[in-house]
Amino acid sequence: MNALRKITGDVLDIASRLKEIDPRYEVYRNLEKHRFEIHAEGALQIAVPFNRLDERTLSLVKETRLENADALFKRLEAQNEKTERALLAAVRDKVMANVEDVL
């Protein structure tokens, strides 16, 4: 863990605000991977996809907590279905255009 630097204070007080969500949460800066990480009891919980700690970090942590997993999975499934339908429509349109060119 020598590549990890614990963040105990930050401008927006994100480190302490995370403790309001779960008192086990600790924020680290991973110097090798150039990212912030949220750990609980020594285990990585989430790698923060943003280059700074801000309100997005709090929202992401709340959204991805275990008790919100069902809602998150449903939202991901709905988004995947929407994307798949759009891709199939694009393929269908391309195939139809090619068929028309052949005929």
Protein backbone atom coordinates (compact mmCIF):
# COMPACT_ATOMS: atom_id res chain seq x y z
CA MET A 1 0.00 0.00 0.00
CA ASN A 2 2.99 2.34 -0.34
CA ALA A 3 1.50 3.65 -3.60
CA LEU A 4 -1.54 4.81 -1.65
CA ARG A 5 -1.67 8.15 0.13
CA LYS A 6 -4.52 8.62 2.57
CA ILE A 7 -6.61 11.76 2.04
CA THR A 8 -7.88 13.07 5.36
CA GLY A 9 -8.78 16.59 4.30
CA ASP A 10 -9.75 18.16 1.02
CA VAL A 11 -11.20 21.47 -0.14
CA LEU A 12 -14.78 20.22 -0.46
CA ASP A 13 -14.54 18.01 2.63
CA ILE A 14 -15.40 14.91 0.56
CA ALA A 15 -13.31 12.58 2.76
CA SER A 16 -15.35 13.39 5.86
CA ARG A 17 -18.64 13.57 3.95
CA LEU A 18 -18.03 10.00 2.75
CA LYS A 19 -17.83 8.92 6.38
CA GLU A 20 -21.42 10.16 6.76
CA ILE A 21 -22.40 7.57 4.14
CA ASP A 22 -20.35 4.83 5.79
CA PRO A 23 -17.95 5.45 8.68
CA ARG A 24 -15.62 2.74 7.36
CA TYR A 25 -14.87 4.68 4.15
CA GLU A 26 -11.39 6.08 3.67
CA VAL A 27 -10.13 8.00 0.65
CA TYR A 28 -6.74 7.29 -0.90
CA ARG A 29 -4.84 8.67 -3.85
CA ASN A 30 -3.28 5.82 -5.79
CA LEU A 31 -0.01 7.34 -7.01
CA GLU A 32 0.75 4.51 -9.44
CA LYS A 33 -2.67 4.49 -11.12
CA HIS A 34 -3.22 8.25 -10.77
CA ARG A 35 -6.68 7.95 -9.31
CA PHE A 36 -8.65 8.34 -6.11
CA GLU A 37 -9.93 5.21 -4.42
CA ILE A 38 -12.49 4.58 -1.72
CA HIS A 39 -11.54 1.80 0.72
CA ALA A 40 -13.40 0.21 3.62
CA GLU A 41 -11.54 -1.86 6.17
CA GLY A 42 -8.54 -2.05 3.86
CA ALA A 43 -10.49 -3.30 0.84
CA LEU A 44 -10.98 -1.30 -2.34
CA GLN A 45 -14.65 -0.42 -2.73
CA ILE A 46 -14.55 1.81 -5.79
CA ALA A 47 -12.02 3.53 -8.01
CA VAL A 48 -13.18 7.09 -8.59
CA PRO A 49 -13.34 7.80 -12.35
CA PHE A 50 -12.91 11.56 -11.85
CA ASN A 51 -9.62 13.44 -11.53
CA ARG A 52 -10.79 15.32 -8.43
CA LEU A 53 -12.93 14.73 -5.39
CA ASP A 54 -16.26 16.53 -5.66
CA GLU A 55 -20.02 16.02 -5.45
CA ARG A 56 -19.83 13.45 -8.28
CA THR A 57 -17.75 11.23 -6.00
CA LEU A 58 -20.41 11.31 -3.29
CA SER A 59 -23.16 10.58 -5.82
CA LEU A 60 -21.22 7.68 -7.33
CA VAL A 61 -20.54 6.12 -3.94
CA LYS A 62 -24.20 6.40 -2.90
CA GLU A 63 -25.39 5.02 -6.23
CA THR A 64 -23.09 2.00 -6.19
CA ARG A 65 -23.68 0.90 -2.60
CA LEU A 66 -24.88 -2.66 -2.17
CA GLU A 67 -28.35 -1.65 -1.01
CA ASN A 68 -28.82 0.18 -4.33
CA ALA A 69 -27.60 -2.73 -6.47
CA ASP A 70 -31.04 -3.80 -7.73
CA ALA A 71 -31.90 -0.32 -8.99
CA LEU A 72 -28.46 0.06 -10.54
CA PHE A 73 -28.70 -3.29 -12.35
CA LYS A 74 -32.19 -2.45 -13.64
CA ARG A 75 -30.97 0.90 -14.96
CA LEU A 76 -27.95 -0.74 -16.63
CA GLU A 77 -30.14 -3.44 -18.19
CA ALA A 78 -32.54 -0.81 -19.55
CA GLN A 79 -29.65 1.18 -21.00
CA ASN A 80 -28.13 -1.97 -22.54
CA GLU A 81 -31.47 -2.88 -24.13
CA LYS A 82 -31.83 0.64 -25.55
CA THR A 83 -28.29 0.51 -26.96
CA GLU A 84 -28.87 -2.95 -28.43
CA ARG A 85 -32.11 -1.84 -30.13
CA ALA A 86 -30.33 1.18 -31.62
CA LEU A 87 -27.48 -0.99 -32.91
CA LEU A 88 -29.89 -3.53 -34.41
CA ALA A 89 -31.85 -0.74 -36.10
CA ALA A 90 -28.64 0.68 -37.56
CA VAL A 91 -27.58 -2.75 -38.86
CA ARG A 92 -31.06 -3.36 -40.29
CA ASP A 93 -31.01 0.01 -42.07
CA LYS A 94 -27.55 -0.67 -43.50
CA VAL A 95 -28.57 -4.15 -44.71
CA MET A 96 -31.72 -2.74 -46.32
CA ALA A 97 -29.69 -0.03 -48.06
CA ASN A 98 -27.29 -2.68 -49.40
CA VAL A 99 -30.18 -4.86 -50.59
CA GLU A 100 -31.71 -1.91 -52.41
CA ASP A 101 -28.34 -1.22 -54.07
CA VAL A 102 -28.11 -4.83 -55.25
CA LEU A 103 -31.65 -4.87 -56.62
